[in-house]
């Protein structure tokens, strides 16, 4: 078994070449629309147990690494009006290199019939469109894939064994089968691949990071949820 860790929205950086597109966007870049606050710190802790790990600190408003190439949200309102050639450059500089290196790693492992367990680290805003989201952690997976469903259930049980007060929801606040990087990888690998998107509530953030206790709980429960590693 191989544990793969990714973090698609670890930062909100905009390269100087494109800074002029975001002159009045500082507030948006700092918000959940620009990145997933807290994820990079959690990723850095979890990657100690991973066989391979990849992350990006480029803002999702430049190009959305967690969307398929033809998804309408691939480019934000700041970049989708760029000429076609400029959008292609964005893909060539940031999108394709990130996606390709992860795809290649998964392909290498599955070719050897290794079981790939992929955790994509994300966070979510506690209030969206006036809806208050009370869950602490969401585990997103494809319910049709038995391995993912069983893994998510084990992970949830392991978290609750450490802290029964946590509210952990399956396929909340988003559906695991919706467009995303794990969804794409599932299509490429019908066997030997399982992907879960970990969603942590940004309401827990303290000074920009998740509390050490919560991060340690996620790490310990993840280890418990995995097959012999």
Foldseek 3Di string as FASTA:
>chain_A
DFEEEEEEFAAQDDPPVQVVLCVPPPVVCPDVQFGFFAQVVLSVVQCVPGPYYYYDHHTCQPANLWFDPPDPSRHHPSHPPDPPVVVVVSCVPPRCVRLVVVLVVQVVQVVVVAQYEYEYEGEDEQADPNDGNDAFKEKAFDPVDVVQVQLVVQLVVQLCVVPVPGHYYYQPPHHNCPRTSLVVSCVVDVPSYTYIYMYGYCVQDDPRHHDPVVSVSSNVSNVRSDDDD
